[in-house]
Protein backbone atom coordinates (compact mmCIF):
# COMPACT_ATOMS: atom_id res chain seq x y z
CA MET A 1 7.02 -11.64 203.68
CA CYS A 2 8.50 -15.30 204.36
CA PHE A 3 8.08 -17.73 202.08
CA GLY A 4 5.96 -16.64 199.84
CA LEU A 5 3.19 -16.80 201.77
CA ARG A 6 1.03 -13.98 202.22
CA TYR A 7 1.75 -13.76 206.13
CA ASN A 8 4.30 -12.56 208.42
CA CYS A 9 7.04 -15.21 209.41
CA VAL A 10 6.07 -18.35 211.49
CA ASP A 11 8.26 -16.75 214.43
CA MET A 12 5.67 -13.12 213.94
CA LEU A 13 2.44 -15.27 213.29
CA LEU A 14 3.59 -17.33 216.67
CA LYS A 15 4.24 -14.12 219.17
CA GLY A 16 2.99 -14.15 222.23
CA VAL A 17 2.10 -17.51 222.21
CA VAL A 18 5.13 -19.60 222.83
CA GLY A 19 7.91 -17.18 223.71
CA ILE A 20 11.40 -16.12 221.56
CA ALA A 21 12.90 -18.93 219.82
CA SER A 22 16.38 -19.51 219.62
CA TYR A 23 17.21 -18.01 216.05
CA GLU A 24 15.55 -14.61 217.20
CA GLN A 25 18.78 -14.47 219.90
CA THR A 26 21.96 -13.24 219.52
CA VAL A 27 25.18 -15.42 219.04
CA ASP A 28 26.56 -14.25 222.63
CA ARG A 29 23.47 -16.19 224.14
CA ILE A 30 23.57 -19.10 221.51
CA GLU A 31 27.53 -19.71 222.62
CA ARG A 32 25.73 -20.59 225.71
CA TYR A 33 23.35 -23.88 224.89
CA GLY A 34 25.34 -27.04 225.14
CA ASP A 35 25.80 -29.76 222.68
CA MET A 36 21.95 -30.17 221.84
CA ALA A 37 20.26 -28.57 219.15
CA VAL A 38 16.14 -28.85 217.49
CA VAL A 39 15.65 -29.25 213.47
CA PRO A 40 11.72 -28.70 212.71
CA VAL A 41 11.18 -29.85 209.22
CA GLY A 42 7.38 -28.77 208.12
CA SER A 43 5.77 -29.09 205.03
CA LEU A 44 3.51 -26.67 202.38
CA GLU A 45 0.42 -28.37 201.55
CA GLN A 46 -3.08 -28.59 201.46
CA HIS A 47 -4.73 -28.85 204.61
CA GLY A 48 -8.33 -28.93 203.12
CA HIS A 49 -11.05 -26.00 203.34
CA HIS A 50 -10.77 -24.66 206.77
CA LEU A 51 -6.93 -24.50 207.46
CA PRO A 52 -3.94 -22.43 206.12
CA VAL A 53 -1.80 -24.41 203.67
CA HIS A 54 1.41 -23.30 206.20
CA THR A 55 0.05 -24.98 208.96
CA ASP A 56 2.61 -28.21 209.85
CA ILE A 57 5.34 -25.08 208.94
CA ALA A 58 3.46 -23.05 212.22
CA ILE A 59 2.60 -25.98 214.72
CA THR A 60 5.90 -27.39 214.66
CA GLN A 61 7.85 -24.19 214.46
CA ALA A 62 5.50 -23.42 217.73
CA TYR A 63 6.70 -27.53 219.24
CA ALA A 64 9.69 -26.98 218.38
CA ASN A 65 10.12 -24.31 220.40
CA LEU A 66 9.07 -25.85 223.53
CA LEU A 67 11.07 -28.52 222.98
CA GLY A 68 13.93 -26.57 222.73
CA GLU A 69 12.87 -24.53 226.26
CA ARG A 70 12.43 -27.75 228.55
CA LEU A 71 15.47 -29.11 226.67
CA ASP A 72 17.56 -25.64 226.62
CA ALA A 73 18.77 -26.46 223.12
CA PHE A 74 19.27 -24.48 220.40
CA VAL A 75 16.11 -24.40 218.01
CA LEU A 76 16.24 -23.13 214.18
CA PRO A 77 13.45 -21.36 211.95
CA CYS A 78 11.36 -24.66 210.65
CA LEU A 79 12.14 -25.85 207.03
CA PRO A 80 8.95 -25.11 205.38
CA ILE A 81 9.52 -27.26 201.95
CA SER A 82 9.68 -31.04 202.61
CA THR A 83 8.39 -34.03 200.16
CA CYS A 84 4.76 -34.01 199.91
CA ARG A 85 3.73 -35.36 196.26
CA GLU A 86 0.97 -37.00 198.35
CA HIS A 87 -1.31 -33.32 197.90
CA MET A 88 -0.56 -33.40 194.61
CA GLY A 89 -3.89 -31.65 192.63
CA LYS A 90 -4.26 -28.47 194.54
CA LYS A 91 -2.42 -25.51 194.14
CA GLY A 92 -0.25 -24.53 197.04
CA SER A 93 1.07 -27.76 198.34
CA VAL A 94 5.12 -27.32 197.02
CA TRP A 95 7.44 -30.29 197.32
CA MET A 96 10.98 -30.79 196.74
CA ALA A 97 12.24 -34.97 195.79
CA PRO A 98 13.84 -36.95 198.48
CA ASP A 99 16.83 -37.54 197.25
CA THR A 100 17.30 -33.37 197.38
CA PHE A 101 15.31 -33.20 200.72
CA TYR A 102 17.76 -35.99 201.40
CA ALA A 103 21.11 -33.96 200.26
CA MET A 104 19.96 -31.24 202.17
CA LEU A 105 18.96 -32.26 205.72
CA LYS A 106 21.74 -34.15 206.24
CA ASP A 107 23.92 -30.70 205.36
CA ILE A 108 21.87 -28.92 207.90
CA VAL A 109 23.14 -31.40 210.59
CA MET A 110 26.59 -31.58 209.39
CA SER A 111 26.87 -27.89 209.81
CA LEU A 112 25.53 -27.94 212.80
CA TYR A 113 28.12 -30.98 213.89
CA GLU A 114 31.41 -28.90 212.78
CA GLN A 115 29.62 -26.32 215.34
CA GLY A 116 29.74 -28.06 218.15
CA PHE A 117 26.19 -29.36 218.28
CA SER A 118 26.68 -33.20 218.80
CA ARG A 119 23.10 -34.24 220.01
CA ILE A 120 20.53 -33.43 217.34
CA VAL A 121 16.85 -33.61 217.55
CA VAL A 122 15.13 -33.14 213.99
CA VAL A 123 10.86 -32.84 214.88
CA GLN A 124 9.15 -34.30 211.83
CA GLY A 125 6.05 -31.89 210.92
CA HIS A 126 4.78 -34.17 208.14
CA GLY A 127 4.36 -37.52 208.68
CA GLY A 128 5.19 -37.68 204.52
CA ILE A 129 8.65 -37.64 204.62
CA PHE A 130 9.66 -41.25 204.44
CA VAL A 131 13.02 -40.46 203.89
CA LEU A 132 13.69 -39.33 207.08
CA PRO A 133 13.87 -42.14 209.18
CA PRO A 134 16.94 -43.69 206.60
CA LEU A 135 19.07 -40.17 207.17
CA ILE A 136 18.43 -40.38 210.64
CA ARG A 137 20.20 -44.93 211.32
CA GLN A 138 22.83 -43.76 208.11
CA LEU A 139 23.86 -40.58 210.29
CA ASN A 140 23.99 -42.78 213.37
CA ALA A 141 25.35 -45.90 212.11
CA THR A 142 28.41 -43.80 210.90
CA MET A 143 28.62 -41.19 213.22
CA ASN A 144 27.95 -42.57 216.64
CA PRO A 145 29.07 -42.16 219.20
CA ALA A 146 30.47 -39.06 218.59
CA LEU A 147 26.78 -37.46 216.66
CA LYS A 148 23.82 -38.47 217.77
CA VAL A 149 20.56 -37.60 216.11
CA ILE A 150 16.77 -38.54 216.77
CA LYS A 151 13.44 -38.06 215.51
CA VAL A 152 10.60 -36.94 216.89
CA GLU A 153 7.02 -36.41 216.06
CA LEU A 154 3.89 -34.85 218.16
CA GLY A 155 1.39 -36.84 216.21
CA GLN A 156 3.70 -40.19 217.90
CA PHE A 157 1.73 -39.15 221.36
CA SER A 158 -2.08 -39.11 219.52
CA GLY A 159 -2.60 -42.36 221.80
CA GLU A 160 -1.45 -41.06 225.10
CA LEU A 161 -3.09 -37.54 224.22
CA ARG A 162 -6.34 -39.94 223.97
CA ALA A 163 -5.33 -41.80 227.17
CA ARG A 164 -5.65 -37.92 229.21
CA GLY A 165 -9.17 -37.17 227.14
CA ILE A 166 -6.96 -34.54 225.42
CA LEU A 167 -7.55 -35.91 221.89
CA VAL A 168 -11.14 -37.89 220.77
CA SER A 169 -10.46 -39.71 217.43
CA ALA A 170 -8.57 -42.26 216.26
CA GLU A 171 -9.24 -41.67 212.39
CA GLY A 172 -7.03 -38.99 211.67
CA LEU A 173 -4.32 -38.47 209.66
CA HIS A 174 -4.69 -34.91 208.29
CA ALA A 175 -6.36 -31.55 208.92
CA GLU A 176 -7.80 -33.47 211.78
CA GLU A 177 -8.86 -32.92 215.35
CA TYR A 178 -5.81 -32.83 216.03
CA GLU A 179 -3.92 -30.42 213.69
CA THR A 180 -7.19 -28.25 213.75
CA SER A 181 -6.97 -27.22 217.00
CA VAL A 182 -3.02 -26.44 217.46
CA MET A 183 -3.72 -23.76 214.85
CA LEU A 184 -7.57 -22.79 216.67
CA HIS A 185 -5.11 -22.38 219.17
CA LEU A 186 -2.11 -20.57 217.86
CA ARG A 187 -3.59 -19.24 215.28
CA PRO A 188 -7.55 -18.63 214.94
CA ASP A 189 -7.93 -16.32 212.86
CA LEU A 190 -6.66 -18.42 210.01
CA VAL A 191 -9.21 -21.33 210.57
CA HIS A 192 -12.97 -21.50 209.31
CA MET A 193 -14.51 -23.45 211.27
CA ASP A 194 -17.93 -23.60 209.29
CA LYS A 195 -15.98 -25.26 206.55
CA ALA A 196 -14.42 -27.91 207.73
CA VAL A 197 -15.51 -31.40 206.79
CA ASP A 198 -15.36 -34.48 208.83
CA PHE A 199 -14.14 -37.85 206.28
CA VAL A 200 -12.46 -40.94 207.51
CA PRO A 201 -11.94 -43.01 203.57
CA SER A 202 -11.75 -47.02 203.57
CA VAL A 203 -8.01 -47.54 201.96
CA PRO A 204 -5.11 -47.70 204.98
CA ARG A 205 -2.85 -44.34 205.08
CA GLU A 206 -0.42 -46.87 202.56
CA TYR A 207 -2.45 -46.09 199.53
CA GLN A 208 -0.25 -42.93 199.64
CA ASN A 209 2.19 -44.71 197.79
CA TYR A 210 -0.36 -44.91 195.20
CA MET A 211 -2.49 -42.25 194.13
CA SER A 212 -2.87 -38.41 195.35
CA LEU A 213 -4.08 -38.58 199.03
CA LEU A 214 -7.24 -36.02 197.65
CA SER A 215 -7.95 -39.72 195.16
CA VAL A 216 -9.53 -41.01 198.45
CA CYS A 217 -10.17 -37.71 200.90
CA PRO A 218 -12.15 -35.51 197.72
CA ASP A 219 -11.61 -32.28 200.79
CA GLY A 220 -8.33 -32.60 202.03
CA VAL A 221 -9.55 -34.28 205.15
CA TRP A 222 -8.71 -37.15 206.62
CA GLY A 223 -10.25 -37.22 210.05
CA GLN A 224 -12.45 -35.61 212.56
CA PRO A 225 -11.60 -31.77 212.62
CA THR A 226 -14.84 -30.43 213.76
CA LEU A 227 -13.60 -32.17 216.57
CA ALA A 228 -11.68 -29.81 217.94
CA THR A 229 -11.25 -26.49 220.06
CA ALA A 230 -8.36 -24.05 221.07
CA GLU A 231 -7.75 -25.76 224.33
CA LYS A 232 -7.70 -29.12 223.21
CA GLY A 233 -4.71 -27.17 221.32
CA ARG A 234 -3.00 -25.54 223.98
CA LEU A 235 -3.12 -29.05 225.81
CA VAL A 236 -1.84 -30.74 222.77
CA LEU A 237 0.98 -28.62 222.52
CA GLU A 238 2.14 -28.75 225.80
CA THR A 239 1.56 -32.39 226.67
CA GLY A 240 3.36 -33.47 223.37
CA ALA A 241 5.94 -30.82 224.55
CA GLU A 242 6.36 -32.40 228.24
CA LEU A 243 5.91 -36.10 226.36
CA GLY A 244 8.50 -34.81 223.39
CA ALA A 245 11.31 -33.90 226.40
CA ALA A 246 11.09 -36.85 228.03
CA HIS A 247 11.30 -38.90 224.78
CA VAL A 248 13.91 -36.96 223.53
CA THR A 249 16.21 -37.21 227.06
CA LYS A 250 15.44 -41.48 227.19
CA LEU A 251 16.38 -41.91 223.86
CA PHE A 252 19.99 -39.68 224.18
CA GLY A 253 20.68 -41.44 227.57
CA LEU A 254 19.78 -45.03 225.79
CA MET A 255 22.56 -44.05 223.51
CA ASP A 256 25.21 -42.96 225.54
CA ASN A 257 25.09 -46.16 227.85
CA LYS A 258 24.90 -48.80 224.81
CA LYS A 259 28.34 -50.83 224.46
CA PRO A 260 30.03 -51.55 220.72
CA VAL A 261 29.10 -54.31 218.95
CA GLY A 262 32.21 -56.07 217.61
CA TYR A 263 33.67 -53.97 215.38
CA SER A 264 30.66 -51.54 215.50
CA LYS A 265 29.67 -48.60 217.81
CA PHE A 266 25.98 -47.82 216.44
């Protein structure tokens, strides 16, 4: 078992879909990587009646593996627990305190840095990790230019995915068309489309600071999962990896070429 789930480890779940993960390789192969490492961060949380609670973990690992292949980077196993108190109300969602997560991820980044990985890509696979941007800003502000840390989310490319006709709905936030499609591609046997329910609340995302998502989305879904298909999921991952790799390359290039401002190298 892995992380208390009733299935095999995530890399086994994805076998044959996204290739061999970096962490399945020997230290001899890992020594040949350059200075870039990818740290996927998921979440164990409810995803409505139709998706498993490890959805964020599976999607984030798959996406990170594809990014790592394009960037020739060392990819870590997905961190399965982060911050998800907005999903309180149904058993199966597990979280840690924001300050605990902040300290844990900082230690992981510094561990990689001590080994020579000076370019860290954090793949944020759960939108509710609001403590992550301040951590990345702090690391860059205090460690540049020796260490550079950036964040990428598959969801940040949803506008481009809609523009390319891959996704349709612009109202999704959780267990929606995008996540359901990717899981139909990765693990169709774990998706129960007969239980998928479309629902878009009348309140903004900000309300998750004031009440559980389940308070405004009774079925735990924010979006239109019934629009999902496995082919959309395949295209979301492949196109997202293309867009993500371009984003990472561009951003690291900007960070490499920026000049000091007064006393600051940030």
